Structures are given as C-alpha cells and as structure tokens.
Amino acid sequence: MSELREHLSAYRRTLPWITLKELLMIVLCTIPYALTVNQLLVPHAIVGGGVTGLCEIIYFATKTYIPIWLSSATINIALLIIAAITVGRRYAVRTVWGVMWLTIWLKVIPIASVPLLTDSFMAVVIGGLFTGCFLGICFLNNGSTGGTDIIAMIVNKYHHLPMGRVLLMADMLVISSAFFLPTIQAAGMQGAIEKILFGLTYTFMCSTAVDWIMNRMRQSVQFMIFSTKADEIAEAIISQAHRGCTLLNGEGGYHKQPMKVVTTIARSYESATIFRLVRAIDPKAFVSQSQVRGVFGQGFDPMLYGK
C-alpha cells in the first residue's frame, strides 16, 4: 500500500499542470468566439443567440454607445452571482475564468468596419462552425463561457427541463427580438427576415459543431491492462479516474505464469488519465485499448427499452 501511495502522490503532483493546461485551453478557445462576433456577426448586423446576442441587441439599440464587452460582463456577473447561490460555487469558478477571457477578447478584438467574409450566408456558416468547434473543446476542458448556459442550468435544477430545450428557447427569443431593431428594419421587411434567418442558421451551425465535438469525445473505449501490479492499477483507476474495473485471472501462454488482467471502460477523453496512472505504477505494463460501440449503465448512457 505504501508503494501505491507513492505512485498516487506522484500522479497528484501532475494535476496542477493538467489544470493549467485546461485553463490555457479555455483562454485560447474563447478567441474564436469573440473573433466571430466582432469580425463577422456585428459587421453584417446579424444577431446570434445567447447572452452575446442580447449584448448585440443592446449595442445596436443604443447606437453603439454601450459596447458588447461591457454589457456581456455585466449580465454574466449577475448570472454568476445567481448561479453561485443556486447551483454552487464549484460550477461558478471555471465559468468566471471563461467569462473573464471572453470579455477581454471582445474588448481587445476590434469590430470590423468591413467583415472578414462579405457574403452573409458564408459568414454565419463558417462563423458558426468555427465558434462551435472551439466551444466544444472549451467544454471538454471543463470550461464555460457563461451566458444562457447558466440560465439553463438554473432552470434545469428547479424545473427539470432538458438543458437543450431551455437553450433553444432562450436563443429563439433573443434572435427573434432583433427583428424590431432599427438597424435590422433598415434592410426592409425581406432583409429583416433574412437577418433573423441568418441568426438562426448561425446558432444551428454552432450547436451542431459543439455536439459533433462533444459526441466524438463521448465515445467510449475499453482497456485490457496486463501487469504484475494489477491490484495497484485497479485501485488507482477506482480512486483517481473514478471508473470501475474488473480483475480477471489469466495465465501466460509461454511461461504458464498466473497473471491478473485489469479491464475497464471509460470515455475517450479519460484515456489520458488512465494511461498516466498505468505508466506511473508500472511502465512495463502491456495495455490494449479498443473502441466500443455503446456502453449502458451506471456512469454511462441509461439503459433504455429497445436498445
């Protein structure tokens, strides 16, 4: 047990570096979001969803008097205070980091007088995919940019509504409200409707890209770990990776020596954690990793009828 404690202690010493990497990824992933808003959406007078879209409405309604970064910071701070009280401080800490850097990039990156892409449709498609992919990476690094995510989490806690439905309703409400802006109305009835449709297209492309990134990383993998320190590895996986595992009794085909085999199933993004644990305890271990099509049960997807 003392040897296992030493291995786990060495693993815990790497956790600050892992946390630092995640915080750095959150910083980098908020840049494309701010870039899309200030260089594509605002120059085309297209309002996206969420709190950022609401900030665009404030920006256009006040004739650019209230900058987007200022209203974004103000609204998110208010939502974070509510979230800290209702949902918990642990959720709010990482969100504060994401909101802070999104606000910084919205201020630093200038609003373009001429958009990067002159075609509005291409701007929302490329911008939505660009933003969604990096937001998905941000979420996988335990980050958040705040906004309607906070509202959805608060509503979900008290009314048990699906978060996706709450987010969709909030985005639809924000984008539809933009129809009455003088900036949008100046394009005429047909032009105003097109602006709204472009906003909906942007939101759809962004959410599709987020789901694609998240679903790819939600794929599960199965490990078969052959080691003389199987008990220590199993204990480490349970205590540090928080995944269950099974010990199988095996026998070497050549030397006929008994050997235990650790088998466990985890999400793809958890693979790095398991590999680090195995390498810290037994660098000579033999590890087999394979993709699995579906995993149902505790810690994974619910086992529904008809599966």
Protein backbone atom coordinates (compact mmCIF):
# COMPACT_ATOMS: atom_id res chain seq x y z
CA MET A 1 0.00 0.00 0.00
CA SER A 2 2.89 2.37 0.70
CA GLU A 3 4.13 1.87 -2.87
CA LEU A 4 0.67 2.63 -4.22
CA ARG A 5 0.53 5.81 -2.12
CA GLU A 6 3.84 6.91 -3.62
CA HIS A 7 2.55 6.31 -7.15
CA LEU A 8 -0.67 8.20 -6.43
CA SER A 9 1.29 11.01 -4.82
CA ALA A 10 3.39 11.33 -7.98
CA TYR A 11 0.21 11.36 -10.06
CA ARG A 12 -1.35 14.09 -7.92
CA ARG A 13 1.73 16.23 -8.46
CA THR A 14 0.85 16.29 -12.17
CA LEU A 15 -2.70 17.53 -11.53
CA PRO A 16 -1.72 21.24 -11.26
CA TRP A 17 -0.16 21.00 -14.72
CA ILE A 18 -3.31 19.35 -16.08
CA THR A 19 -5.41 22.13 -14.54
CA LEU A 20 -3.06 24.73 -16.01
CA LYS A 21 -3.44 23.13 -19.45
CA GLU A 22 -7.23 23.21 -19.17
CA LEU A 23 -7.24 26.87 -18.11
CA LEU A 24 -4.95 27.73 -21.02
CA MET A 25 -7.25 25.89 -23.45
CA ILE A 26 -10.22 27.90 -22.15
CA VAL A 27 -8.28 31.12 -22.82
CA LEU A 28 -7.45 30.06 -26.38
CA CYS A 29 -10.94 28.72 -27.18
CA THR A 30 -12.66 32.00 -26.31
CA ILE A 31 -10.68 33.85 -29.01
CA PRO A 32 -12.63 32.37 -32.00
CA TYR A 33 -15.92 33.20 -30.24
CA ALA A 34 -15.00 36.89 -29.86
CA LEU A 35 -13.46 36.94 -33.34
CA THR A 36 -16.66 35.66 -34.94
CA VAL A 37 -18.85 38.17 -33.09
CA ASN A 38 -16.71 41.26 -33.76
CA GLN A 39 -15.45 40.39 -37.25
CA LEU A 40 -18.43 38.56 -38.79
CA LEU A 41 -21.77 38.95 -37.00
CA VAL A 42 -21.73 42.61 -35.92
CA PRO A 43 -20.45 44.00 -39.28
CA HIS A 44 -23.28 42.10 -41.03
CA ALA A 45 -25.81 43.27 -38.36
CA ILE A 46 -26.64 39.62 -37.58
CA VAL A 47 -27.66 38.77 -34.03
CA GLY A 48 -26.66 35.36 -32.69
CA GLY A 49 -28.19 33.57 -29.74
CA GLY A 50 -27.42 33.64 -26.05
CA VAL A 51 -26.21 36.48 -23.90
CA THR A 52 -23.78 37.62 -26.60
CA GLY A 53 -26.73 38.04 -28.97
CA LEU A 54 -28.55 40.03 -26.28
CA CYS A 55 -25.44 42.22 -25.96
CA GLU A 56 -25.52 42.78 -29.72
CA ILE A 57 -29.12 43.96 -29.43
CA ILE A 58 -28.09 46.40 -26.68
CA TYR A 59 -25.17 47.54 -28.85
CA PHE A 60 -27.38 48.25 -31.87
CA ALA A 61 -30.29 49.66 -29.82
CA THR A 62 -28.01 52.22 -28.13
CA LYS A 63 -26.38 53.10 -31.47
CA THR A 64 -23.04 51.51 -30.43
CA TYR A 65 -22.95 53.60 -27.21
CA ILE A 66 -22.78 50.52 -24.90
CA PRO A 67 -20.03 48.18 -26.15
CA ILE A 68 -20.67 44.46 -26.36
CA TRP A 69 -17.89 43.55 -23.93
CA LEU A 70 -19.31 45.81 -21.21
CA SER A 71 -22.88 44.52 -21.37
CA SER A 72 -21.56 40.93 -21.63
CA ALA A 73 -19.50 41.34 -18.46
CA THR A 74 -22.38 42.99 -16.58
CA ILE A 75 -25.00 40.38 -17.49
CA ASN A 76 -22.67 37.44 -16.87
CA ILE A 77 -21.59 38.76 -13.48
CA ALA A 78 -25.24 38.99 -12.43
CA LEU A 79 -25.93 35.46 -13.71
CA LEU A 80 -22.80 34.10 -11.99
CA ILE A 81 -23.89 35.52 -8.64
CA ILE A 82 -27.26 33.80 -9.05
CA ALA A 83 -25.54 30.56 -10.16
CA ALA A 84 -23.17 30.61 -7.18
CA ILE A 85 -26.18 30.85 -4.85
CA THR A 86 -28.41 28.31 -6.60
CA VAL A 87 -26.13 25.83 -8.40
CA GLY A 88 -22.95 26.04 -6.33
CA ARG A 89 -19.61 27.83 -6.25
CA ARG A 90 -17.71 24.95 -7.86
CA TYR A 91 -19.53 25.50 -11.15
CA ALA A 92 -19.05 29.27 -10.97
CA VAL A 93 -15.24 29.20 -10.57
CA ARG A 94 -14.38 27.83 -14.04
CA THR A 95 -17.18 29.89 -15.59
CA VAL A 96 -15.71 33.09 -14.13
CA TRP A 97 -12.43 32.27 -15.87
CA GLY A 98 -14.15 31.70 -19.22
CA VAL A 99 -16.35 34.80 -18.92
CA MET A 100 -13.37 36.95 -17.95
CA TRP A 101 -11.35 35.97 -21.00
CA LEU A 102 -14.31 36.20 -23.37
CA THR A 103 -14.87 39.75 -22.10
CA ILE A 104 -11.19 40.58 -22.62
CA TRP A 105 -11.17 39.27 -26.21
CA LEU A 106 -14.44 41.07 -27.02
CA LYS A 107 -12.75 44.30 -25.91
CA VAL A 108 -9.34 43.66 -27.49
CA ILE A 109 -10.55 42.40 -30.89
CA PRO A 110 -11.93 45.41 -32.80
CA ILE A 111 -15.31 45.43 -34.52
CA ALA A 112 -14.56 45.33 -38.23
CA SER A 113 -15.89 48.09 -40.46
CA VAL A 114 -15.67 45.58 -43.33
CA PRO A 115 -16.47 41.94 -42.40
CA LEU A 116 -13.90 39.22 -43.00
CA LEU A 117 -16.42 37.44 -45.26
CA THR A 118 -18.58 39.68 -47.43
CA ASP A 119 -21.28 37.04 -48.04
CA SER A 120 -23.66 36.92 -45.07
CA PHE A 121 -24.59 33.27 -45.51
CA MET A 122 -20.97 32.12 -45.64
CA ALA A 123 -20.22 34.33 -42.64
CA VAL A 124 -22.80 32.60 -40.43
CA VAL A 125 -21.95 29.09 -41.65
CA ILE A 126 -18.17 29.44 -41.29
CA GLY A 127 -18.52 31.51 -38.12
CA GLY A 128 -20.93 29.02 -36.55
CA LEU A 129 -18.71 26.02 -37.31
CA PHE A 130 -15.58 27.88 -36.23
CA THR A 131 -17.09 29.01 -32.94
CA GLY A 132 -18.85 25.71 -32.21
CA CYS A 133 -15.73 23.55 -32.63
CA PHE A 134 -13.72 25.66 -30.20
CA LEU A 135 -16.60 25.93 -27.73
CA GLY A 136 -16.82 22.13 -27.74
CA ILE A 137 -13.12 21.93 -26.90
CA CYS A 138 -13.67 24.54 -24.19
CA PHE A 139 -16.48 22.46 -22.63
CA LEU A 140 -14.33 19.31 -22.76
CA ASN A 141 -11.71 21.16 -20.74
CA ASN A 142 -14.33 21.82 -18.04
CA GLY A 143 -14.77 25.40 -19.21
CA SER A 144 -17.78 27.56 -19.90
CA THR A 145 -18.42 30.97 -21.42
CA GLY A 146 -21.41 31.58 -19.17
CA GLY A 147 -24.45 33.22 -20.73
CA THR A 148 -27.54 31.12 -21.33
CA ASP A 149 -25.65 28.03 -20.10
CA ILE A 150 -26.07 29.45 -16.60
CA ILE A 151 -29.77 30.13 -17.14
CA ALA A 152 -30.30 26.61 -18.48
CA MET A 153 -28.53 25.06 -15.50
CA ILE A 154 -30.56 27.09 -13.00
CA VAL A 155 -33.87 26.26 -14.74
CA ASN A 156 -32.87 22.59 -15.01
CA LYS A 157 -32.20 22.39 -11.28
CA TYR A 158 -35.64 23.62 -10.24
CA HIS A 159 -37.90 22.50 -13.09
CA HIS A 160 -36.03 19.52 -14.57
CA LEU A 161 -36.44 20.77 -18.12
CA PRO A 162 -33.86 19.48 -20.64
CA MET A 163 -30.99 21.98 -20.91
CA GLY A 164 -31.06 21.77 -24.71
CA ARG A 165 -34.70 22.87 -24.78
CA VAL A 166 -34.05 25.80 -22.44
CA LEU A 167 -31.06 26.93 -24.52
CA LEU A 168 -33.09 26.67 -27.73
CA MET A 169 -35.96 28.71 -26.27
CA ALA A 170 -33.57 31.40 -24.99
CA ASP A 171 -31.75 31.64 -28.33
CA MET A 172 -35.01 31.82 -30.29
CA LEU A 173 -36.29 34.60 -28.02
CA VAL A 174 -33.09 36.67 -28.37
CA ILE A 175 -32.78 36.26 -32.14
CA SER A 176 -36.47 37.00 -32.75
CA SER A 177 -36.25 40.17 -30.63
CA ALA A 178 -33.64 41.53 -33.04
CA PHE A 179 -36.36 41.88 -35.69
CA PHE A 180 -37.53 45.15 -34.09
CA LEU A 181 -34.12 46.84 -34.10
CA PRO A 182 -33.91 49.94 -36.33
CA THR A 183 -30.64 48.60 -37.76
CA ILE A 184 -32.43 45.41 -38.87
CA GLN A 185 -35.58 47.22 -40.01
CA ALA A 186 -33.46 49.48 -42.23
CA ALA A 187 -32.90 46.49 -44.51
CA GLY A 188 -36.64 46.31 -45.27
CA MET A 189 -39.10 43.55 -44.42
CA GLN A 190 -37.42 40.92 -46.59
CA GLY A 191 -33.94 41.96 -45.43
CA ALA A 192 -35.01 41.88 -41.77
CA ILE A 193 -36.41 38.36 -42.13
CA GLU A 194 -33.16 37.29 -43.81
CA LYS A 195 -31.17 38.71 -40.90
CA ILE A 196 -33.25 36.67 -38.45
CA LEU A 197 -32.83 33.53 -40.56
CA PHE A 198 -29.08 34.13 -40.72
CA GLY A 199 -29.02 34.41 -36.92
CA LEU A 200 -30.90 31.12 -36.59
CA THR A 201 -28.53 29.50 -39.10
CA TYR A 202 -25.52 30.67 -37.11
CA THR A 203 -26.96 29.25 -33.89
CA PHE A 204 -27.80 25.95 -35.58
CA MET A 205 -24.31 25.58 -37.09
CA CYS A 206 -22.67 26.48 -33.78
CA SER A 207 -24.72 24.00 -31.73
CA THR A 208 -24.19 21.28 -34.38
CA ALA A 209 -20.42 21.78 -34.23
CA VAL A 210 -20.46 21.68 -30.41
CA ASP A 211 -22.47 18.44 -30.44
CA TRP A 212 -20.13 16.90 -33.03
CA ILE A 213 -17.04 17.65 -30.94
CA MET A 214 -18.70 16.55 -27.69
CA ASN A 215 -20.11 13.33 -29.17
CA ARG A 216 -16.76 12.34 -30.63
CA MET A 217 -15.18 12.76 -27.23
CA ARG A 218 -18.08 10.96 -25.52
CA GLN A 219 -17.19 7.77 -27.36
CA SER A 220 -16.13 5.01 -25.02
CA VAL A 221 -13.05 2.79 -25.00
CA GLN A 222 -12.23 -0.49 -23.32
CA PHE A 223 -8.88 -1.19 -21.67
CA MET A 224 -7.20 -4.54 -21.09
CA ILE A 225 -4.20 -4.00 -18.81
CA PHE A 226 -1.72 -6.84 -18.27
CA SER A 227 0.59 -6.12 -15.33
CA THR A 228 2.26 -7.68 -12.32
CA LYS A 229 0.87 -4.73 -10.33
CA ALA A 230 -2.74 -5.23 -11.37
CA ASP A 231 -4.15 -4.66 -7.87
CA GLU A 232 -2.39 -1.29 -7.53
CA ILE A 233 -3.53 -0.21 -11.01
CA ALA A 234 -7.12 -1.22 -10.27
CA GLU A 235 -7.08 0.74 -7.01
CA ALA A 236 -5.66 3.79 -8.78
CA ILE A 237 -8.30 3.67 -11.55
CA ILE A 238 -11.08 3.45 -8.98
CA SER A 239 -9.75 6.21 -6.69
CA GLN A 240 -8.27 8.62 -9.25
CA ALA A 241 -10.07 8.06 -12.56
CA HIS A 242 -13.33 7.28 -10.74
CA ARG A 243 -14.07 4.35 -13.02
CA GLY A 244 -14.97 0.82 -12.01
CA CYS A 245 -12.84 -2.06 -13.19
CA THR A 246 -12.74 -5.85 -13.13
CA LEU A 247 -9.82 -8.14 -12.29
CA LEU A 248 -9.58 -11.25 -14.45
CA ASN A 249 -7.42 -14.26 -13.64
CA GLY A 250 -5.19 -15.16 -16.59
CA GLU A 251 -2.21 -17.31 -17.42
CA GLY A 252 0.74 -16.53 -19.65
CA GLY A 253 0.72 -18.66 -22.79
CA TYR A 254 4.52 -19.08 -22.88
CA HIS A 255 5.71 -19.19 -19.28
CA LYS A 256 2.41 -20.51 -17.89
CA GLN A 257 2.69 -17.99 -15.06
CA PRO A 258 -0.54 -16.74 -13.44
CA MET A 259 -1.32 -13.09 -14.10
CA LYS A 260 -4.17 -10.74 -13.30
CA VAL A 261 -5.71 -8.62 -16.04
CA VAL A 262 -7.44 -5.30 -15.34
CA THR A 263 -10.33 -4.46 -17.64
CA THR A 264 -12.19 -1.16 -17.53
CA ILE A 265 -14.37 1.02 -19.77
CA ALA A 266 -14.08 4.79 -19.89
CA ARG A 267 -14.83 7.78 -22.09
CA SER A 268 -12.29 8.60 -24.80
CA TYR A 269 -11.23 11.83 -23.09
CA GLU A 270 -10.46 9.86 -19.92
CA SER A 271 -7.92 7.68 -21.74
CA ALA A 272 -5.04 10.04 -20.99
CA THR A 273 -5.76 9.84 -17.24
CA ILE A 274 -5.77 6.04 -17.27
CA PHE A 275 -2.56 5.87 -19.31
CA ARG A 276 -0.86 8.26 -16.88
CA LEU A 277 -1.90 6.12 -13.91
CA VAL A 278 -0.69 2.89 -15.53
CA ARG A 279 2.61 4.46 -16.58
CA ALA A 280 3.16 5.87 -13.07
CA ILE A 281 2.60 2.46 -11.40
CA ASP A 282 4.04 0.03 -13.95
CA PRO A 283 5.86 1.46 -17.00
CA LYS A 284 6.31 -2.11 -18.32
CA ALA A 285 2.59 -2.90 -18.36
CA PHE A 286 1.01 -4.18 -21.58
CA VAL A 287 -2.11 -2.18 -22.44
CA SER A 288 -4.73 -2.88 -25.09
CA GLN A 289 -7.23 -0.13 -25.96
CA SER A 290 -10.24 -0.71 -28.22
CA GLN A 291 -13.30 1.27 -29.31
CA VAL A 292 -16.73 0.14 -28.12
CA ARG A 293 -19.99 0.95 -29.93
CA GLY A 294 -22.21 1.55 -26.94
CA VAL A 295 -21.95 1.43 -23.15
CA PHE A 296 -25.05 1.46 -20.97
CA GLY A 297 -25.31 1.52 -17.21
CA GLN A 298 -24.00 3.49 -14.25
CA GLY A 299 -21.61 6.26 -15.28
CA PHE A 300 -22.54 5.97 -18.97
CA ASP A 301 -25.73 6.19 -21.04
CA PRO A 302 -29.01 4.99 -19.49
CA MET A 303 -30.20 1.53 -20.46
CA LEU A 304 -33.45 2.21 -22.33
CA TYR A 305 -36.01 -0.25 -23.58
CA GLY A 306 -35.43 -1.35 -27.12
CA LYS A 307 -31.66 -0.91 -27.00
